[in-house]
PDB file of all heavy atoms in Angstrom:
ATOM      1  N   PRO A   1     185.395  91.860  16.391  1.00  0.00           N
ATOM      2  CA  PRO A   1     184.717  91.010  17.374  1.00  0.00           C
ATOM      3  C   PRO A   1     185.563  90.504  18.540  1.00  0.00           C
ATOM      4  O   PRO A   1     185.072  89.750  19.356  1.00  0.00           O
ATOM      5  CB  PRO A   1     184.322  89.817  16.508  1.00  0.00           C
ATOM      6  CG  PRO A   1     185.490  89.652  15.581  1.00  0.00           C
ATOM      7  CD  PRO A   1     185.934  91.065  15.255  1.00  0.00           C
ATOM      8  N   THR A   2     186.859  90.872  18.630  1.00  0.00           N
ATOM      9  CA  THR A   2     187.747  90.167  19.564  1.00  0.00           C
ATOM     10  C   THR A   2     187.754  90.721  20.980  1.00  0.00           C
ATOM     11  O   THR A   2     188.116  90.006  21.918  1.00  0.00           O
ATOM     12  CB  THR A   2     189.190  90.174  19.041  1.00  0.00           C
ATOM     13  OG1 THR A   2     189.696  91.519  19.083  1.00  0.00           O
ATOM     14  CG2 THR A   2     189.264  89.644  17.619  1.00  0.00           C
ATOM     15  N   GLY A   3     187.436  92.009  21.137  1.00  0.00           N
ATOM     16  CA  GLY A   3     187.572  92.623  22.446  1.00  0.00           C
ATOM     17  C   GLY A   3     189.009  92.975  22.794  1.00  0.00           C
ATOM     18  O   GLY A   3     189.300  93.418  23.915  1.00  0.00           O
ATOM     19  N   MET A   4     189.923  92.817  21.839  1.00  0.00           N
ATOM     20  CA  MET A   4     191.324  93.154  22.088  1.00  0.00           C
ATOM     21  C   MET A   4     191.535  94.663  21.947  1.00  0.00           C
ATOM     22  O   MET A   4     190.783  95.346  21.247  1.00  0.00           O
ATOM     23  CB  MET A   4     192.234  92.424  21.091  1.00  0.00           C
ATOM     24  CG  MET A   4     192.202  90.905  21.208  1.00  0.00           C
ATOM     25  SD  MET A   4     192.869  90.281  22.770  1.00  0.00           S
ATOM     26  CE  MET A   4     191.374  89.773  23.611  1.00  0.00           C
ATOM     27  N   ILE A   5     192.577  95.182  22.598  1.00  0.00           N
ATOM     28  CA  ILE A   5     192.932  96.586  22.464  1.00  0.00           C
ATOM     29  C   ILE A   5     194.403  96.695  22.074  1.00  0.00           C
ATOM     30  O   ILE A   5     195.229  95.871  22.470  1.00  0.00           O
ATOM     31  CB  ILE A   5     192.672  97.382  23.765  1.00  0.00           C
ATOM     32  CG1 ILE A   5     193.484  96.817  24.929  1.00  0.00           C
ATOM     33  CG2 ILE A   5     191.200  97.398  24.102  1.00  0.00           C
ATOM     34  CD1 ILE A   5     193.387  97.639  26.199  1.00  0.00           C
ATOM     35  N   TYR A   6     194.716  97.702  21.258  1.00  0.00           N
ATOM     36  CA  TYR A   6     196.107  97.969  20.894  1.00  0.00           C
ATOM     37  C   TYR A   6     196.749  98.807  21.993  1.00  0.00           C
ATOM     38  O   TYR A   6     196.176  99.800  22.446  1.00  0.00           O
ATOM     39  CB  TYR A   6     196.181  98.723  19.564  1.00  0.00           C
ATOM     40  CG  TYR A   6     195.971  97.861  18.338  1.00  0.00           C
ATOM     41  CD1 TYR A   6     194.682  97.608  17.861  1.00  0.00           C
ATOM     42  CD2 TYR A   6     197.051  97.303  17.656  1.00  0.00           C
ATOM     43  CE1 TYR A   6     194.480  96.831  16.734  1.00  0.00           C
ATOM     44  CE2 TYR A   6     196.862  96.521  16.523  1.00  0.00           C
ATOM     45  CZ  TYR A   6     195.578  96.286  16.070  1.00  0.00           C
ATOM     46  OH  TYR A   6     195.378  95.509  14.947  1.00  0.00           O
ATOM     47  N   THR A   7     197.951  98.421  22.409  1.00  0.00           N
ATOM     48  CA  THR A   7     198.680  99.191  23.410  1.00  0.00           C
ATOM     49  C   THR A   7     199.297 100.426  22.758  1.00  0.00           C
ATOM     50  O   THR A   7     199.382 100.533  21.529  1.00  0.00           O
ATOM     51  CB  THR A   7     199.802  98.357  24.032  1.00  0.00           C
ATOM     52  OG1 THR A   7     200.782  98.052  23.017  1.00  0.00           O
ATOM     53  CG2 THR A   7     199.255  97.052  24.618  1.00  0.00           C
ATOM     54  N   ARG A   8     199.726 101.349  23.583  1.00  0.00           N
ATOM     55  CA  ARG A   8     200.387 102.552  23.076  1.00  0.00           C
ATOM     56  C   ARG A   8     201.616 102.181  22.234  1.00  0.00           C
ATOM     57  O   ARG A   8     201.844 102.748  21.160  1.00  0.00           O
ATOM     58  CB  ARG A   8     200.808 103.439  24.247  1.00  0.00           C
ATOM     59  CG  ARG A   8     201.499 104.727  23.830  1.00  0.00           C
ATOM     60  CD  ARG A   8     201.803 105.597  25.042  1.00  0.00           C
ATOM     61  NE  ARG A   8     200.598 106.083  25.679  1.00  0.00           N
ATOM     62  CZ  ARG A   8     199.963 107.188  25.320  1.00  0.00           C
ATOM     63  NH1 ARG A   8     200.415 107.918  24.298  1.00  0.00           N
ATOM     64  NH2 ARG A   8     198.873 107.574  25.961  1.00  0.00           N
ATOM     65  N   GLU A   9     202.383 101.197  22.708  1.00  0.00           N
ATOM     66  CA  GLU A   9     203.594 100.793  21.985  1.00  0.00           C
ATOM     67  C   GLU A   9     203.261 100.183  20.627  1.00  0.00           C
ATOM     68  O   GLU A   9     203.937 100.461  19.627  1.00  0.00           O
ATOM     69  CB  GLU A   9     204.402  99.792  22.827  1.00  0.00           C
ATOM     70  CG  GLU A   9     205.010 100.359  24.096  1.00  0.00           C
ATOM     71  CD  GLU A   9     203.982 100.656  25.182  1.00  0.00           C
ATOM     72  OE1 GLU A   9     202.896 100.022  25.184  1.00  0.00           O
ATOM     73  OE2 GLU A   9     204.253 101.541  26.027  1.00  0.00           O
ATOM     74  N   GLU A  10     202.200  99.382  20.579  1.00  0.00           N
ATOM     75  CA  GLU A  10     201.781  98.784  19.307  1.00  0.00           C
ATOM     76  C   GLU A  10     201.314  99.853  18.325  1.00  0.00           C
ATOM     77  O   GLU A  10     201.618  99.798  17.129  1.00  0.00           O
ATOM     78  CB  GLU A  10     200.675  97.758  19.563  1.00  0.00           C
ATOM     79  CG  GLU A  10     201.176  96.493  20.256  1.00  0.00           C
ATOM     80  CD  GLU A  10     200.051  95.636  20.821  1.00  0.00           C
ATOM     81  OE1 GLU A  10     198.925  96.153  21.006  1.00  0.00           O
ATOM     82  OE2 GLU A  10     200.296  94.450  21.087  1.00  0.00           O
ATOM     83  N   LEU A  11     200.579 100.833  18.833  1.00  0.00           N
ATOM     84  CA  LEU A  11     200.098 101.915  17.977  1.00  0.00           C
ATOM     85  C   LEU A  11     201.252 102.790  17.486  1.00  0.00           C
ATOM     86  O   LEU A  11     201.253 103.255  16.344  1.00  0.00           O
ATOM     87  CB  LEU A  11     199.069 102.766  18.720  1.00  0.00           C
ATOM     88  CG  LEU A  11     197.716 102.094  18.996  1.00  0.00           C
ATOM     89  CD1 LEU A  11     196.845 102.989  19.869  1.00  0.00           C
ATOM     90  CD2 LEU A  11     196.996 101.749  17.707  1.00  0.00           C
ATOM     91  N   GLU A  12     202.243 103.005  18.319  1.00  0.00           N
ATOM     92  CA  GLU A  12     203.409 103.796  17.903  1.00  0.00           C
ATOM     93  C   GLU A  12     204.137 103.118  16.747  1.00  0.00           C
ATOM     94  O   GLU A  12     204.566 103.779  15.785  1.00  0.00           O
ATOM     95  CB  GLU A  12     204.357 104.001  19.088  1.00  0.00           C
ATOM     96  CG  GLU A  12     203.842 105.008  20.100  1.00  0.00           C
ATOM     97  CD  GLU A  12     204.696 105.090  21.354  1.00  0.00           C
ATOM     98  OE1 GLU A  12     205.503 104.155  21.584  1.00  0.00           O
ATOM     99  OE2 GLU A  12     204.548 106.065  22.121  1.00  0.00           O
ATOM    100  N   ALA A  13     204.263 101.792  16.822  1.00  0.00           N
ATOM    101  CA  ALA A  13     204.923 101.050  15.745  1.00  0.00           C
ATOM    102  C   ALA A  13     204.117 101.123  14.453  1.00  0.00           C
ATOM    103  O   ALA A  13     204.671 101.306  13.358  1.00  0.00           O
ATOM    104  CB  ALA A  13     205.135  99.595  16.168  1.00  0.00           C
ATOM    105  N   LEU A  14     202.800 100.988  14.568  1.00  0.00           N
ATOM    106  CA  LEU A  14     201.934 101.081  13.389  1.00  0.00           C
ATOM    107  C   LEU A  14     201.946 102.492  12.811  1.00  0.00           C
ATOM    108  O   LEU A  14     201.974 102.682  11.593  1.00  0.00           O
ATOM    109  CB  LEU A  14     200.505 100.671  13.757  1.00  0.00           C
ATOM    110  CG  LEU A  14     200.289  99.184  14.050  1.00  0.00           C
ATOM    111  CD1 LEU A  14     198.960  98.959  14.755  1.00  0.00           C
ATOM    112  CD2 LEU A  14     200.331  98.359  12.762  1.00  0.00           C
ATOM    113  N   ALA A  15     201.931 103.492  13.694  1.00  0.00           N
ATOM    114  CA  ALA A  15     201.947 104.884  13.240  1.00  0.00           C
ATOM    115  C   ALA A  15     203.195 105.187  12.431  1.00  0.00           C
ATOM    116  O   ALA A  15     203.151 105.928  11.434  1.00  0.00           O
ATOM    117  CB  ALA A  15     201.844 105.827  14.434  1.00  0.00           C
ATOM    118  N   LYS A  16     204.315 104.632  12.833  1.00  0.00           N
ATOM    119  CA  LYS A  16     205.573 104.850  12.108  1.00  0.00           C
ATOM    120  C   LYS A  16     205.462 104.357  10.672  1.00  0.00           C
ATOM    121  O   LYS A  16     205.877 105.032   9.721  1.00  0.00           O
ATOM    122  CB  LYS A  16     206.719 104.141  12.827  1.00  0.00           C
ATOM    123  CG  LYS A  16     208.090 104.393  12.208  1.00  0.00           C
ATOM    124  CD  LYS A  16     209.194 103.706  13.006  1.00  0.00           C
ATOM    125  CE  LYS A  16     210.555 103.959  12.355  1.00  0.00           C
ATOM    126  NZ  LYS A  16     211.649 103.274  13.105  1.00  0.00           N
ATOM    127  N   VAL A  17     204.847 103.191  10.491  1.00  0.00           N
ATOM    128  CA  VAL A  17     204.661 102.637   9.146  1.00  0.00           C
ATOM    129  C   VAL A  17     203.692 103.494   8.343  1.00  0.00           C
ATOM    130  O   VAL A  17     203.916 103.788   7.160  1.00  0.00           O
ATOM    131  CB  VAL A  17     204.153 101.173   9.216  1.00  0.00           C
ATOM    132  CG1 VAL A  17     203.849 100.639   7.817  1.00  0.00           C
ATOM    133  CG2 VAL A  17     205.175 100.293   9.919  1.00  0.00           C
ATOM    134  N   ILE A  18     202.601 103.911   8.967  1.00  0.00           N
ATOM    135  CA  ILE A  18     201.591 104.726   8.282  1.00  0.00           C
ATOM    136  C   ILE A  18     202.207 106.021   7.760  1.00  0.00           C
ATOM    137  O   ILE A  18     201.947 106.436   6.624  1.00  0.00           O
ATOM    138  CB  ILE A  18     200.410 105.009   9.233  1.00  0.00           C
ATOM    139  CG1 ILE A  18     199.635 103.712   9.513  1.00  0.00           C
ATOM    140  CG2 ILE A  18     199.464 106.070   8.658  1.00  0.00           C
ATOM    141  CD1 ILE A  18     198.691 103.788  10.696  1.00  0.00           C
ATOM    142  N   VAL A  19     203.034 106.645   8.588  1.00  0.00           N
ATOM    143  CA  VAL A  19     203.686 107.887   8.175  1.00  0.00           C
ATOM    144  C   VAL A  19     204.702 107.625   7.055  1.00  0.00           C
ATOM    145  O   VAL A  19     204.769 108.357   6.070  1.00  0.00           O
ATOM    146  CB  VAL A  19     204.353 108.574   9.384  1.00  0.00           C
ATOM    147  CG1 VAL A  19     205.200 109.763   8.934  1.00  0.00           C
ATOM    148  CG2 VAL A  19     203.294 109.031  10.388  1.00  0.00           C
ATOM    149  N   GLU A  20     205.480 106.550   7.208  1.00  0.00           N
ATOM    150  CA  GLU A  20     206.483 106.219   6.190  1.00  0.00           C
ATOM    151  C   GLU A  20     205.843 105.906   4.841  1.00  0.00           C
ATOM    152  O   GLU A  20     206.343 106.307   3.785  1.00  0.00           O
ATOM    153  CB  GLU A  20     207.326 105.023   6.659  1.00  0.00           C
ATOM    154  CG  GLU A  20     208.304 105.350   7.771  1.00  0.00           C
ATOM    155  CD  GLU A  20     209.029 104.121   8.283  1.00  0.00           C
ATOM    156  OE1 GLU A  20     208.651 102.981   7.889  1.00  0.00           O
ATOM    157  OE2 GLU A  20     209.968 104.272   9.101  1.00  0.00           O
ATOM    158  N   LYS A  21     204.720 105.185   4.891  1.00  0.00           N
ATOM    159  CA  LYS A  21     204.030 104.811   3.650  1.00  0.00           C
ATOM    160  C   LYS A  21     203.145 105.945   3.138  1.00  0.00           C
ATOM    161  O   LYS A  21     202.640 105.863   2.013  1.00  0.00           O
ATOM    162  CB  LYS A  21     203.174 103.561   3.882  1.00  0.00           C
ATOM    163  CG  LYS A  21     203.968 102.315   4.299  1.00  0.00           C
ATOM    164  CD  LYS A  21     204.893 101.830   3.188  1.00  0.00           C
ATOM    165  CE  LYS A  21     205.601 100.542   3.585  1.00  0.00           C
ATOM    166  NZ  LYS A  21     206.508 100.050   2.523  1.00  0.00           N
ATOM    167  N   ASP A  22     202.940 106.960   3.963  1.00  0.00           N
ATOM    168  CA  ASP A  22     202.126 108.129   3.610  1.00  0.00           C
ATOM    169  C   ASP A  22     200.716 107.719   3.185  1.00  0.00           C
ATOM    170  O   ASP A  22     200.245 108.036   2.098  1.00  0.00           O
ATOM    171  CB  ASP A  22     202.801 108.938   2.504  1.00  0.00           C
ATOM    172  CG  ASP A  22     202.255 110.358   2.421  1.00  0.00           C
ATOM    173  OD1 ASP A  22     201.675 110.828   3.415  1.00  0.00           O
ATOM    174  OD2 ASP A  22     202.395 111.000   1.356  1.00  0.00           O
ATOM    175  N   ILE A  23     200.043 106.990   4.087  1.00  0.00           N
ATOM    176  CA  ILE A  23     198.672 106.553   3.853  1.00  0.00           C
ATOM    177  C   ILE A  23     197.782 107.086   4.972  1.00  0.00           C
ATOM    178  O   ILE A  23     198.266 107.591   5.981  1.00  0.00           O
ATOM    179  CB  ILE A  23     198.556 105.005   3.787  1.00  0.00           C
ATOM    180  CG1 ILE A  23     199.019 104.369   5.105  1.00  0.00           C
ATOM    181  CG2 ILE A  23     199.367 104.468   2.608  1.00  0.00           C
ATOM    182  CD1 ILE A  23     198.859 102.860   5.167  1.00  0.00           C
ATOM    183  N   TYR A  24     196.478 106.981   4.785  1.00  0.00           N
ATOM    184  CA  TYR A  24     195.533 107.403   5.810  1.00  0.00           C
ATOM    185  C   TYR A  24     195.317 106.281   6.825  1.00  0.00           C
ATOM    186  O   TYR A  24     195.418 105.090   6.499  1.00  0.00           O
ATOM    187  CB  TYR A  24     194.179 107.760   5.196  1.00  0.00           C
ATOM    188  CG  TYR A  24     194.178 109.016   4.366  1.00  0.00           C
ATOM    189  CD1 TYR A  24     193.980 108.964   2.989  1.00  0.00           C
ATOM    190  CD2 TYR A  24     194.357 110.269   4.959  1.00  0.00           C
ATOM    191  CE1 TYR A  24     193.959 110.124   2.218  1.00  0.00           C
ATOM    192  CE2 TYR A  24     194.348 111.426   4.200  1.00  0.00           C
ATOM    193  CZ  TYR A  24     194.153 111.353   2.836  1.00  0.00           C
ATOM    194  OH  TYR A  24     194.146 112.489   2.080  1.00  0.00           O
ATOM    195  N   CYS A  25     194.988 106.690   8.034  1.00  0.00           N
ATOM    196  CA  CYS A  25     194.567 105.743   9.067  1.00  0.00           C
ATOM    197  C   CYS A  25     193.127 106.046   9.441  1.00  0.00           C
ATOM    198  O   CYS A  25     192.809 107.171   9.861  1.00  0.00           O
ATOM    199  CB  CYS A  25     195.456 105.856  10.304  1.00  0.00           C
ATOM    200  SG  CYS A  25     194.922 104.788  11.671  1.00  0.00           S
ATOM    201  N   VAL A  26     192.263 105.078   9.249  1.00  0.00           N
ATOM    202  CA  VAL A  26     190.864 105.204   9.680  1.00  0.00           C
ATOM    203  C   VAL A  26     190.773 104.528  11.049  1.00  0.00           C
ATOM    204  O   VAL A  26     190.807 103.302  11.158  1.00  0.00           O
ATOM    205  CB  VAL A  26     189.904 104.550   8.667  1.00  0.00           C
ATOM    206  CG1 VAL A  26     188.458 104.670   9.147  1.00  0.00           C
ATOM    207  CG2 VAL A  26     190.075 105.179   7.285  1.00  0.00           C
ATOM    208  N   ALA A  27     190.721 105.345  12.093  1.00  0.00           N
ATOM    209  CA  ALA A  27     190.768 104.849  13.467  1.00  0.00           C
ATOM    210  C   ALA A  27     189.350 104.748  14.023  1.00  0.00           C
ATOM    211  O   ALA A  27     188.754 105.755  14.408  1.00  0.00           O
ATOM    212  CB  ALA A  27     191.619 105.769  14.332  1.00  0.00           C
ATOM    213  N   ASP A  28     188.822 103.545  14.051  1.00  0.00           N
ATOM    214  CA  ASP A  28     187.465 103.308  14.555  1.00  0.00           C
ATOM    215  C   ASP A  28     187.549 103.050  16.055  1.00  0.00           C
ATOM    216  O   ASP A  28     187.988 101.986  16.489  1.00  0.00           O
ATOM    217  CB  ASP A  28     186.850 102.118  13.827  1.00  0.00           C
ATOM    218  CG  ASP A  28     185.402 101.868  14.244  1.00  0.00           C
ATOM    219  OD1 ASP A  28     184.930 102.503  15.217  1.00  0.00           O
ATOM    220  OD2 ASP A  28     184.731 101.046  13.599  1.00  0.00           O
ATOM    221  N   GLU A  29     187.104 104.033  16.848  1.00  0.00           N
ATOM    222  CA  GLU A  29     187.207 103.954  18.302  1.00  0.00           C
ATOM    223  C   GLU A  29     185.829 103.964  18.954  1.00  0.00           C
ATOM    224  O   GLU A  29     185.630 104.521  20.035  1.00  0.00           O
ATOM    225  CB  GLU A  29     188.085 105.105  18.803  1.00  0.00           C
ATOM    226  CG  GLU A  29     189.490 105.056  18.190  1.00  0.00           C
ATOM    227  CD  GLU A  29     190.389 106.221  18.586  1.00  0.00           C
ATOM    228  OE1 GLU A  29     189.944 107.095  19.370  1.00  0.00           O
ATOM    229  OE2 GLU A  29     191.540 106.265  18.106  1.00  0.00           O
ATOM    230  N   MET A  30     184.876 103.335  18.276  1.00  0.00           N
ATOM    231  CA  MET A  30     183.487 103.346  18.738  1.00  0.00           C
ATOM    232  C   MET A  30     183.333 102.785  20.157  1.00  0.00           C
ATOM    233  O   MET A  30     182.448 103.208  20.911  1.00  0.00           O
ATOM    234  CB  MET A  30     182.612 102.554  17.764  1.00  0.00           C
ATOM    235  CG  MET A  30     181.140 102.552  18.092  1.00  0.00           C
ATOM    236  SD  MET A  30     180.363 104.193  18.045  1.00  0.00           S
ATOM    237  CE  MET A  30     180.303 104.500  16.283  1.00  0.00           C
ATOM    238  N   TYR A  31     184.192 101.843  20.553  1.00  0.00           N
ATOM    239  CA  TYR A  31     184.078 101.205  21.869  1.00  0.00           C
ATOM    240  C   TYR A  31     185.056 101.804  22.882  1.00  0.00           C
ATOM    241  O   TYR A  31     185.386 101.164  23.882  1.00  0.00           O
ATOM    242  CB  TYR A  31     184.328  99.700  21.736  1.00  0.00           C
ATOM    243  CG  TYR A  31     183.279  98.969  20.924  1.00  0.00           C
ATOM    244  CD1 TYR A  31     183.417  98.821  19.544  1.00  0.00           C
ATOM    245  CD2 TYR A  31     182.161  98.418  21.533  1.00  0.00           C
ATOM    246  CE1 TYR A  31     182.459  98.162  18.795  1.00  0.00           C
ATOM    247  CE2 TYR A  31     181.197  97.742  20.789  1.00  0.00           C
ATOM    248  CZ  TYR A  31     181.356  97.623  19.421  1.00  0.00           C
ATOM    249  OH  TYR A  31     180.397  96.948  18.678  1.00  0.00           O
ATOM    250  N   GLU A  32     185.510 103.031  22.650  1.00  0.00           N
ATOM    251  CA  GLU A  32     186.590 103.621  23.427  1.00  0.00           C
ATOM    252  C   GLU A  32     186.312 103.728  24.929  1.00  0.00           C
ATOM    253  O   GLU A  32     187.239 103.699  25.736  1.00  0.00           O
ATOM    254  CB  GLU A  32     186.920 105.012  22.869  1.00  0.00           C
ATOM    255  CG  GLU A  32     185.774 105.995  22.969  1.00  0.00           C
ATOM    256  CD  GLU A  32     186.005 107.283  22.193  1.00  0.00           C
ATOM    257  OE1 GLU A  32     187.100 107.441  21.611  1.00  0.00           O
ATOM    258  OE2 GLU A  32     185.091 108.119  22.152  1.00  0.00           O
ATOM    259  N   ASN A  33     185.063 103.846  25.334  1.00  0.00           N
ATOM    260  CA  ASN A  33     184.733 103.924  26.758  1.00  0.00           C
ATOM    261  C   ASN A  33     184.668 102.564  27.429  1.00  0.00           C
ATOM    262  O   ASN A  33     184.623 102.478  28.659  1.00  0.00           O
ATOM    263  CB  ASN A  33     183.388 104.632  26.961  1.00  0.00           C
ATOM    264  CG  ASN A  33     183.471 106.123  26.717  1.00  0.00           C
ATOM    265  OD1 ASN A  33     183.034 106.616  25.682  1.00  0.00           O
ATOM    266  ND2 ASN A  33     184.049 106.850  27.652  1.00  0.00           N
ATOM    267  N   LEU A  34     184.652 101.514  26.636  1.00  0.00           N
ATOM    268  CA  LEU A  34     184.467 100.164  27.173  1.00  0.00           C
ATOM    269  C   LEU A  34     185.810  99.445  27.239  1.00  0.00           C
ATOM    270  O   LEU A  34     186.126  98.570  26.433  1.00  0.00           O
ATOM    271  CB  LEU A  34     183.465  99.388  26.312  1.00  0.00           C
ATOM    272  CG  LEU A  34     182.083 100.053  26.188  1.00  0.00           C
ATOM    273  CD1 LEU A  34     181.212  99.296  25.206  1.00  0.00           C
ATOM    274  CD2 LEU A  34     181.401 100.150  27.540  1.00  0.00           C
ATOM    275  N   ILE A  35     186.607  99.835  28.218  1.00  0.00           N
ATOM    276  CA  ILE A  35     187.943  99.269  28.425  1.00  0.00           C
ATOM    277  C   ILE A  35     188.061  98.879  29.897  1.00  0.00           C
ATOM    278  O   ILE A  35     187.621  99.613  30.782  1.00  0.00           O
ATOM    279  CB  ILE A  35     189.044 100.272  28.023  1.00  0.00           C
ATOM    280  CG1 ILE A  35     189.015 100.484  26.505  1.00  0.00           C
ATOM    281  CG2 ILE A  35     190.418  99.795  28.463  1.00  0.00           C
ATOM    282  CD1 ILE A  35     190.067 101.427  25.980  1.00  0.00           C
ATOM    283  N   TYR A  36     188.689  97.717  30.166  1.00  0.00           N
ATOM    284  CA  TYR A  36     188.685  97.145  31.500  1.00  0.00           C
ATOM    285  C   TYR A  36     190.104  96.906  32.028  1.00  0.00           C
ATOM    286  O   TYR A  36     191.081  97.036  31.312  1.00  0.00           O
ATOM    287  CB  TYR A  36     187.905  95.821  31.477  1.00  0.00           C
ATOM    288  CG  TYR A  36     186.594  95.914  30.718  1.00  0.00           C
ATOM    289  CD1 TYR A  36     186.457  95.361  29.450  1.00  0.00           C
ATOM    290  CD2 TYR A  36     185.504  96.606  31.249  1.00  0.00           C
ATOM    291  CE1 TYR A  36     185.262  95.460  28.739  1.00  0.00           C
ATOM    292  CE2 TYR A  36     184.307  96.717  30.555  1.00  0.00           C
ATOM    293  CZ  TYR A  36     184.201  96.142  29.286  1.00  0.00           C
ATOM    294  OH  TYR A  36     183.030  96.257  28.582  1.00  0.00           O
ATOM    295  N   GLU A  37     190.145  96.552  33.300  1.00  0.00           N
ATOM    296  CA  GLU A  37     191.386  96.165  33.988  1.00  0.00           C
ATOM    297  C   GLU A  37     192.446  97.260  33.984  1.00  0.00           C
ATOM    298  O   GLU A  37     193.651  96.991  33.937  1.00  0.00           O
ATOM    299  CB  GLU A  37     191.934  94.857  33.400  1.00  0.00           C
ATOM    300  CG  GLU A  37     190.970  93.695  33.546  1.00  0.00           C
ATOM    301  CD  GLU A  37     191.576  92.345  33.172  1.00  0.00           C
ATOM    302  OE1 GLU A  37     192.805  92.257  33.032  1.00  0.00           O
ATOM    303  OE2 GLU A  37     190.789  91.392  33.038  1.00  0.00           O
ATOM    304  N   GLY A  38     192.001  98.512  34.016  1.00  0.00           N
ATOM    305  CA  GLY A  38     192.952  99.605  34.132  1.00  0.00           C
ATOM    306  C   GLY A  38     193.706  99.952  32.874  1.00  0.00           C
ATOM    307  O   GLY A  38     194.639 100.763  32.903  1.00  0.00           O
ATOM    308  N   ASN A  39     193.326  99.362  31.744  1.00  0.00           N
ATOM    309  CA  ASN A  39     193.986  99.691  30.485  1.00  0.00           C
ATOM    310  C   ASN A  39     193.560 101.081  30.015  1.00  0.00           C
ATOM    311  O   ASN A  39     192.486 101.573  30.369  1.00  0.00           O
ATOM    312  CB  ASN A  39     193.645  98.646  29.421  1.00  0.00           C
ATOM    313  CG  ASN A  39     194.337  97.331  29.686  1.00  0.00           C
ATOM    314  OD1 ASN A  39     195.525  97.172  29.417  1.00  0.00           O
ATOM    315  ND2 ASN A  39     193.605  96.370  30.242  1.00  0.00           N
ATOM    316  N   GLU A  40     194.396 101.705  29.198  1.00  0.00           N
ATOM    317  CA  GLU A  40     194.097 103.060  28.732  1.00  0.00           C
ATOM    318  C   GLU A  40     193.576 103.053  27.303  1.00  0.00           C
ATOM    319  O   GLU A  40     193.947 102.206  26.484  1.00  0.00           O
ATOM    320  CB  GLU A  40     195.336 103.950  28.820  1.00  0.00           C
ATOM    321  CG  GLU A  40     196.495 103.509  27.946  1.00  0.00           C
ATOM    322  CD  GLU A  40     197.637 104.513  27.946  1.00  0.00           C
ATOM    323  OE1 GLU A  40     197.429 105.697  28.276  1.00  0.00           O
ATOM    324  OE2 GLU A  40     198.770 104.099  27.589  1.00  0.00           O
TER     325      GLU A  40
END
């Protein structure tokens, strides 16, 4: 419900942990087209 987005750097840090722990990532990107202020 927050409207927040993870930056590339934040996702890279999380991805490192996911790979190290060898777990799955369920990436829910349902709102992917709804991004503002030039964010990617």
